[in-house]
């Protein structure tokens, strides 16, 4: 029961084509619960209010306006990451998040099982 982080990019519909939609443009998968375990370690400490809202059974959408906060909270996550797999997961999540800094038409979704 991991929490995947998925970068979605907005695809605008043309005239008469209906609503715009999102397509996956990147993912940091968590099949072995590494990210979920890290989130549990920092939860409730007051330093990661955005990450505290990640639901292992639901979805949390983080728009571009919250990316600076998410990047700051990922630094807190990096402080508790010790095993190589943990450090790698936080690094890859930060890389995915930084991609949101260059476009307003993206969002990150933390998707639980």
Protein backbone atom coordinates (compact mmCIF):
# COMPACT_ATOMS: atom_id res chain seq x y z
CA UNK A 1 0.00 0.00 0.00
CA UNK A 2 2.41 2.71 -1.17
CA UNK A 3 1.83 6.28 -2.20
CA UNK A 4 2.84 7.13 -5.75
CA UNK A 5 3.68 10.70 -6.75
CA UNK A 6 2.51 11.43 -10.28
CA UNK A 7 3.20 14.56 -12.30
CA UNK A 8 0.24 15.42 -14.51
CA UNK A 9 0.28 17.84 -17.42
CA UNK A 10 -2.81 19.70 -18.60
CA UNK A 11 -3.98 18.90 -22.12
CA UNK A 12 -6.28 21.59 -23.35
CA UNK A 13 -9.22 20.53 -25.42
CA UNK A 14 -9.86 22.34 -28.67
CA UNK A 15 -13.09 24.11 -29.51
CA UNK A 16 -16.00 21.73 -29.27
CA UNK A 17 -13.89 18.93 -27.80
CA UNK A 18 -15.13 19.09 -24.24
CA UNK A 19 -13.23 19.67 -21.05
CA UNK A 20 -9.45 19.76 -20.72
CA UNK A 21 -7.82 16.69 -19.26
CA UNK A 22 -4.55 15.68 -17.64
CA UNK A 23 -2.01 13.08 -18.74
CA UNK A 24 0.73 11.53 -16.63
CA UNK A 25 4.10 13.08 -17.45
CA UNK A 26 6.24 11.48 -14.74
CA UNK A 27 5.95 9.20 -11.74
CA UNK A 28 7.79 8.26 -8.58
CA UNK A 29 6.29 4.89 -7.74
CA UNK A 30 6.25 3.55 -4.18
CA UNK A 31 5.61 -0.20 -4.51
CA UNK A 32 7.72 -0.99 -1.44
CA UNK A 33 6.20 1.69 0.86
CA UNK A 34 9.45 3.64 1.24
CA UNK A 35 7.76 7.00 0.73
CA UNK A 36 4.83 6.02 2.91
CA UNK A 37 7.19 5.08 5.77
CA UNK A 38 9.04 8.40 5.45
CA UNK A 39 5.76 10.31 5.55
CA UNK A 40 4.77 8.49 8.74
CA UNK A 41 8.06 9.53 10.38
CA UNK A 42 7.49 13.25 9.79
CA UNK A 43 3.71 13.32 10.23
CA UNK A 44 2.42 15.53 13.01
CA UNK A 45 5.69 17.29 13.76
CA UNK A 46 4.38 20.63 12.53
CA UNK A 47 7.03 21.04 9.82
CA UNK A 48 5.20 19.26 6.99
CA UNK A 49 1.54 20.37 6.96
CA UNK A 50 1.14 19.70 3.24
CA UNK A 51 2.73 16.24 3.34
CA UNK A 52 0.73 15.46 6.49
CA UNK A 53 -2.37 15.55 4.28
CA UNK A 54 -1.16 12.69 2.04
CA UNK A 55 -3.69 9.87 2.39
CA UNK A 56 -2.44 6.31 1.75
CA UNK A 57 -5.94 5.40 0.57
CA UNK A 58 -6.83 8.59 -1.30
CA UNK A 59 -5.41 11.36 -3.44
CA UNK A 60 -3.84 14.72 -2.66
CA UNK A 61 -3.49 17.21 -5.51
CA UNK A 62 -0.66 19.74 -5.22
CA UNK A 63 -0.94 22.59 -7.71
CA UNK A 64 1.90 24.78 -8.90
CA UNK A 65 1.08 27.45 -6.30
CA UNK A 66 2.04 25.00 -3.51
CA UNK A 67 5.27 23.74 -5.12
CA UNK A 68 7.60 26.01 -3.07
CA UNK A 69 6.00 24.70 0.13
CA UNK A 70 6.27 21.12 -1.08
CA UNK A 71 9.96 21.57 -1.88
CA UNK A 72 10.58 22.97 1.61
CA UNK A 73 8.76 20.04 3.17
CA UNK A 74 10.75 17.58 1.08
CA UNK A 75 13.88 18.93 2.76
CA UNK A 76 12.34 17.85 6.08
CA UNK A 77 11.68 14.44 4.57
CA UNK A 78 15.31 14.26 3.43
CA UNK A 79 16.44 14.84 7.02
CA UNK A 80 14.85 11.56 8.14
CA UNK A 81 15.88 9.56 5.06
CA UNK A 82 18.87 7.39 5.88
CA UNK A 83 18.73 4.19 3.83
CA UNK A 84 19.85 4.48 0.20
CA UNK A 85 16.34 3.65 -1.06
CA UNK A 86 14.89 6.44 1.12
CA UNK A 87 17.42 9.02 -0.03
CA UNK A 88 16.83 8.03 -3.65
CA UNK A 89 13.04 8.26 -3.30
CA UNK A 90 13.22 11.77 -1.81
CA UNK A 91 15.71 12.86 -4.49
CA UNK A 92 13.49 11.61 -7.30
CA UNK A 93 10.41 13.20 -5.74
CA UNK A 94 12.23 16.54 -5.49
CA UNK A 95 13.26 16.28 -9.16
CA UNK A 96 9.66 15.58 -10.15
CA UNK A 97 8.45 18.50 -8.04
CA UNK A 98 10.98 20.92 -9.52
CA UNK A 99 9.50 20.21 -12.96
CA UNK A 100 6.43 22.11 -11.74
CA UNK A 101 8.50 25.29 -11.41
CA UNK A 102 8.75 25.67 -15.19
CA UNK A 103 5.08 25.28 -16.09
CA UNK A 104 1.77 26.40 -14.66
CA UNK A 105 -0.08 23.61 -16.45
CA UNK A 106 1.13 20.77 -14.27
CA UNK A 107 0.28 19.35 -10.88
CA UNK A 108 1.52 16.59 -8.63
CA UNK A 109 -0.89 14.05 -7.24
CA UNK A 110 -0.02 11.79 -4.35
CA UNK A 111 -2.06 8.70 -5.12
CA UNK A 112 -2.66 6.05 -2.49
CA UNK A 113 -3.71 2.48 -3.15
